[in-house]
Amino acid sequence: MAVRVFLLAAALLAAMSCFHATASDPSLLQDFCVVDKMSKVRLNGFPCKDANDVVAEDFFFSGLHMAGNTTNKQGSAVTPVNVAQIAGLNTMGISLARIDYAPFGQNPPHTHPRGTEILTVLEGSLYVGFVTSNPDNKLFAKVLNKGDVFVFPEGLIHFQFNYGTKNAVALAALSGQNPGVITVANAVFGSKPSIQDYILAKAFQVDKMTVDRIQAQF
């Protein structure tokens, strides 16, 4: 009897697990769901435009042939192509970006909370890497040349640095229509309102004056 009860409980648990796993279907339930920018409805994603109003331009973007402006503190520029630029990407679970790097420019440490990234170097050379989660915080890094590809797992802090004397260009594809980006330094030292300096001083094991100087940069 006890064995039968155990088996029944195990079966129920397995069934509940399967139901939970399939409760949110990541696959498309129609051919497309172009963003209705006029809708006032807010949900996890975007409402669909009437299919009769969809046009070819809803799936189109032009401009990745143009280099981004890298005259900034980081020496890099990201040109995103996500659901904000292409309404037809809604529910597709994919996006991309062009990244330009000036000599010794970098795409600073950041994360994508909603997407894995795969990066392809089109021109130049890059030193790239990502860091695993606590407690190991292991760095996986590699020098990439033209045609090389590297993957940054979803949610992990990663970076790219152009150590060469010429401009570099990369194309990044991401597994999310809106993968998001959290630049670590900006989030920590440039939040509004600011995180109290004594909190950051303790977190980074430095004095408050050092924190104040860093915060002033953001």
Protein backbone atom coordinates (compact mmCIF):
# COMPACT_ATOMS: atom_id res chain seq x y z
CA MET A 1 0.00 0.00 0.00
CA ALA A 2 2.76 2.41 0.95
CA VAL A 3 4.51 1.70 -2.33
CA ARG A 4 1.31 2.46 -4.30
CA VAL A 5 0.85 5.74 -2.43
CA PHE A 6 4.46 6.69 -3.12
CA LEU A 7 4.13 5.90 -6.83
CA LEU A 8 0.86 7.87 -7.05
CA ALA A 9 2.47 10.87 -5.35
CA ALA A 10 5.47 10.66 -7.67
CA ALA A 11 3.18 10.53 -10.71
CA LEU A 12 1.20 13.54 -9.51
CA LEU A 13 4.43 15.46 -8.88
CA ALA A 14 5.71 14.63 -12.36
CA ALA A 15 2.42 15.71 -13.91
CA MET A 16 2.49 18.98 -12.00
CA SER A 17 6.09 19.56 -13.11
CA CYS A 18 5.17 18.98 -16.76
CA PHE A 19 2.20 21.32 -16.48
CA HIS A 20 4.40 24.01 -14.96
CA ALA A 21 7.03 23.58 -17.67
CA THR A 22 4.51 23.99 -20.48
CA ALA A 23 2.31 26.64 -18.86
CA SER A 24 4.23 29.37 -20.64
CA ASP A 25 4.76 28.46 -24.28
CA PRO A 26 7.74 30.37 -25.73
CA SER A 27 6.77 29.41 -29.27
CA LEU A 28 4.74 31.59 -31.60
CA LEU A 29 1.00 30.95 -31.55
CA GLN A 30 0.47 32.73 -34.86
CA ASP A 31 2.57 33.75 -37.87
CA PHE A 32 3.52 37.08 -36.28
CA CYS A 33 2.47 39.63 -33.68
CA VAL A 34 3.57 43.04 -34.93
CA VAL A 35 3.62 45.66 -32.15
CA ASP A 36 0.55 47.89 -31.98
CA LYS A 37 2.23 51.13 -30.91
CA MET A 38 -1.13 52.86 -30.50
CA SER A 39 -2.44 50.40 -27.91
CA LYS A 40 -2.64 51.52 -24.28
CA VAL A 41 -2.54 47.94 -23.06
CA ARG A 42 0.58 47.08 -21.07
CA LEU A 43 1.68 43.47 -20.59
CA ASN A 44 4.78 41.27 -20.63
CA GLY A 45 5.56 42.07 -24.24
CA PHE A 46 3.41 44.08 -26.61
CA PRO A 47 -0.14 43.73 -27.99
CA CYS A 48 -0.59 42.73 -31.62
CA LYS A 49 -1.56 45.01 -34.46
CA ASP A 50 -4.49 43.86 -36.58
CA ALA A 51 -2.99 41.47 -39.15
CA ASN A 52 -4.81 43.34 -41.91
CA ASP A 53 -2.84 46.49 -41.04
CA VAL A 54 0.58 44.82 -41.12
CA VAL A 55 2.97 45.97 -43.87
CA ALA A 56 6.45 44.93 -45.03
CA GLU A 57 8.04 47.89 -43.24
CA ASP A 58 7.00 46.31 -39.92
CA PHE A 59 9.73 43.71 -40.51
CA PHE A 60 12.39 46.06 -41.88
CA PHE A 61 15.30 48.12 -40.56
CA SER A 62 18.02 49.99 -42.46
CA GLY A 63 21.20 51.44 -41.07
CA LEU A 64 23.59 48.72 -39.90
CA HIS A 65 25.96 49.64 -42.70
CA MET A 66 26.61 52.94 -40.92
CA ALA A 67 29.31 53.13 -38.24
CA GLY A 68 28.26 54.34 -34.81
CA ASN A 69 29.76 57.42 -33.16
CA THR A 70 32.58 56.23 -30.89
CA THR A 71 33.66 59.68 -29.66
CA ASN A 72 32.68 59.05 -26.05
CA LYS A 73 34.38 58.01 -22.81
CA GLN A 74 34.17 54.31 -23.61
CA GLY A 75 35.16 54.61 -27.27
CA SER A 76 32.31 52.42 -28.48
CA ALA A 77 28.83 52.64 -29.96
CA VAL A 78 26.00 50.12 -29.98
CA THR A 79 23.37 50.26 -32.71
CA PRO A 80 20.50 48.03 -31.50
CA VAL A 81 17.96 46.29 -33.70
CA ASN A 82 15.36 44.95 -31.30
CA VAL A 83 11.60 45.19 -30.98
CA ALA A 84 11.89 48.96 -30.50
CA GLN A 85 13.32 49.27 -34.02
CA ILE A 86 11.45 46.42 -35.76
CA ALA A 87 7.87 46.02 -34.58
CA GLY A 88 7.66 42.62 -36.28
CA LEU A 89 10.23 41.18 -33.84
CA ASN A 90 7.55 41.07 -31.16
CA THR A 91 7.23 37.46 -29.83
CA MET A 92 10.08 36.30 -32.10
CA GLY A 93 12.62 35.95 -29.28
CA ILE A 94 15.55 37.35 -31.23
CA SER A 95 17.36 40.64 -31.87
CA LEU A 96 20.78 41.92 -32.86
CA ALA A 97 23.13 44.89 -32.62
CA ARG A 98 26.09 46.40 -34.41
CA ILE A 99 28.95 47.42 -32.12
CA ASP A 100 31.70 49.82 -33.21
CA TYR A 101 34.94 50.21 -31.26
CA ALA A 102 37.53 52.96 -31.61
CA PRO A 103 41.16 51.93 -31.03
CA PHE A 104 41.40 50.92 -27.36
CA GLY A 105 37.66 51.42 -27.03
CA GLN A 106 35.49 49.02 -25.10
CA ASN A 107 31.96 47.84 -24.55
CA PRO A 108 32.23 47.99 -20.74
CA PRO A 109 31.18 45.22 -18.34
CA HIS A 110 27.43 44.71 -18.63
CA THR A 111 24.73 42.05 -18.59
CA HIS A 112 21.68 41.18 -20.66
CA PRO A 113 19.04 40.02 -18.16
CA ARG A 114 16.80 38.54 -20.84
CA GLY A 115 19.08 37.12 -23.51
CA THR A 116 22.13 35.07 -24.42
CA GLU A 117 24.48 36.86 -26.82
CA ILE A 118 26.54 35.45 -29.68
CA LEU A 119 29.14 37.87 -31.05
CA THR A 120 30.85 37.78 -34.45
CA VAL A 121 33.85 40.00 -35.23
CA LEU A 122 33.49 41.63 -38.65
CA GLU A 123 36.59 43.85 -38.57
CA GLY A 124 39.61 44.14 -36.29
CA SER A 125 40.41 42.21 -33.14
CA LEU A 126 38.75 42.14 -29.72
CA TYR A 127 39.61 40.83 -26.28
CA VAL A 128 36.33 39.53 -24.84
CA GLY A 129 35.19 37.67 -21.77
CA PHE A 130 32.51 36.87 -19.23
CA VAL A 131 32.50 36.08 -15.51
CA THR A 132 30.53 33.25 -13.93
CA SER A 133 28.18 33.77 -11.00
CA ASN A 134 29.07 33.51 -7.30
CA PRO A 135 30.92 31.96 -5.63
CA ASP A 136 33.47 31.09 -8.34
CA ASN A 137 33.44 34.33 -10.40
CA LYS A 138 35.60 32.58 -12.99
CA LEU A 139 36.70 34.61 -16.02
CA PHE A 140 36.43 33.05 -19.47
CA ALA A 141 38.28 35.30 -21.93
CA LYS A 142 39.55 35.06 -25.49
CA VAL A 143 41.17 37.19 -28.20
CA LEU A 144 38.93 37.25 -31.28
CA ASN A 145 39.93 38.09 -34.82
CA LYS A 146 37.88 38.75 -37.94
CA GLY A 147 35.36 35.95 -38.44
CA ASP A 148 35.65 34.60 -34.89
CA VAL A 149 32.56 33.97 -32.76
CA PHE A 150 32.06 34.00 -28.98
CA VAL A 151 29.03 33.33 -26.75
CA PHE A 152 28.07 35.23 -23.59
CA PRO A 153 25.57 33.28 -21.44
CA GLU A 154 22.36 35.01 -20.41
CA GLY A 155 22.61 37.27 -17.38
CA LEU A 156 26.40 37.00 -16.90
CA ILE A 157 28.66 40.05 -16.80
CA HIS A 158 30.71 40.34 -19.99
CA PHE A 159 32.79 42.85 -21.95
CA GLN A 160 34.65 43.51 -25.22
CA PHE A 161 37.84 45.55 -25.62
CA ASN A 162 39.56 46.67 -28.83
CA TYR A 163 43.24 46.40 -28.02
CA GLY A 164 44.28 47.23 -31.59
CA THR A 165 45.23 50.51 -33.24
CA LYS A 166 42.43 50.28 -35.84
CA ASN A 167 38.66 50.44 -35.56
CA ALA A 168 36.82 47.19 -34.86
CA VAL A 169 33.28 46.15 -35.72
CA ALA A 170 31.18 43.28 -34.36
CA LEU A 171 27.67 41.97 -34.87
CA ALA A 172 25.83 40.57 -31.86
CA ALA A 173 22.72 38.39 -31.99
CA LEU A 174 20.65 37.97 -28.82
CA SER A 175 18.01 35.44 -27.81
CA GLY A 176 15.36 37.98 -26.90
CA GLN A 177 13.24 40.57 -28.66
CA ASN A 178 14.18 43.00 -25.87
CA PRO A 179 17.16 41.44 -24.04
CA GLY A 180 17.85 44.56 -21.98
CA VAL A 181 21.23 45.81 -20.88
CA ILE A 182 22.62 46.70 -17.46
CA THR A 183 25.99 48.44 -17.61
CA VAL A 184 27.57 47.64 -14.26
CA ALA A 185 29.36 50.92 -13.57
CA ASN A 186 26.40 53.03 -14.68
CA ALA A 187 23.95 51.05 -12.56
CA VAL A 188 26.11 51.01 -9.44
CA PHE A 189 27.67 54.48 -9.54
CA GLY A 190 25.16 56.34 -11.69
CA SER A 191 21.83 55.34 -10.18
CA LYS A 192 19.29 58.09 -9.55
CA PRO A 193 18.98 58.76 -6.71
CA SER A 194 22.52 57.68 -5.87
CA ILE A 195 23.31 54.69 -3.74
CA GLN A 196 24.74 56.03 -0.48
CA ASP A 197 28.52 56.29 -0.71
CA TYR A 198 29.10 54.48 2.58
CA ILE A 199 27.25 51.45 1.17
CA LEU A 200 29.40 51.38 -1.96
CA ALA A 201 32.56 52.09 0.05
CA LYS A 202 31.91 49.00 2.14
CA ALA A 203 30.91 46.90 -0.89
CA PHE A 204 34.05 47.79 -2.86
CA GLN A 205 36.33 48.04 0.19
CA VAL A 206 37.45 51.61 -0.56
CA ASP A 207 37.00 54.94 1.20
CA LYS A 208 33.97 57.19 0.62
CA MET A 209 36.04 59.84 -1.15
CA THR A 210 36.97 57.30 -3.82
CA VAL A 211 33.31 56.42 -4.28
CA ASP A 212 32.37 60.10 -4.48
CA ARG A 213 34.96 60.68 -7.21
CA ILE A 214 33.66 57.73 -9.23
CA GLN A 215 30.02 58.76 -8.80
CA ALA A 216 30.90 62.24 -10.06
CA GLN A 217 31.83 60.67 -13.43
CA PHE A 218 28.26 59.51 -13.93
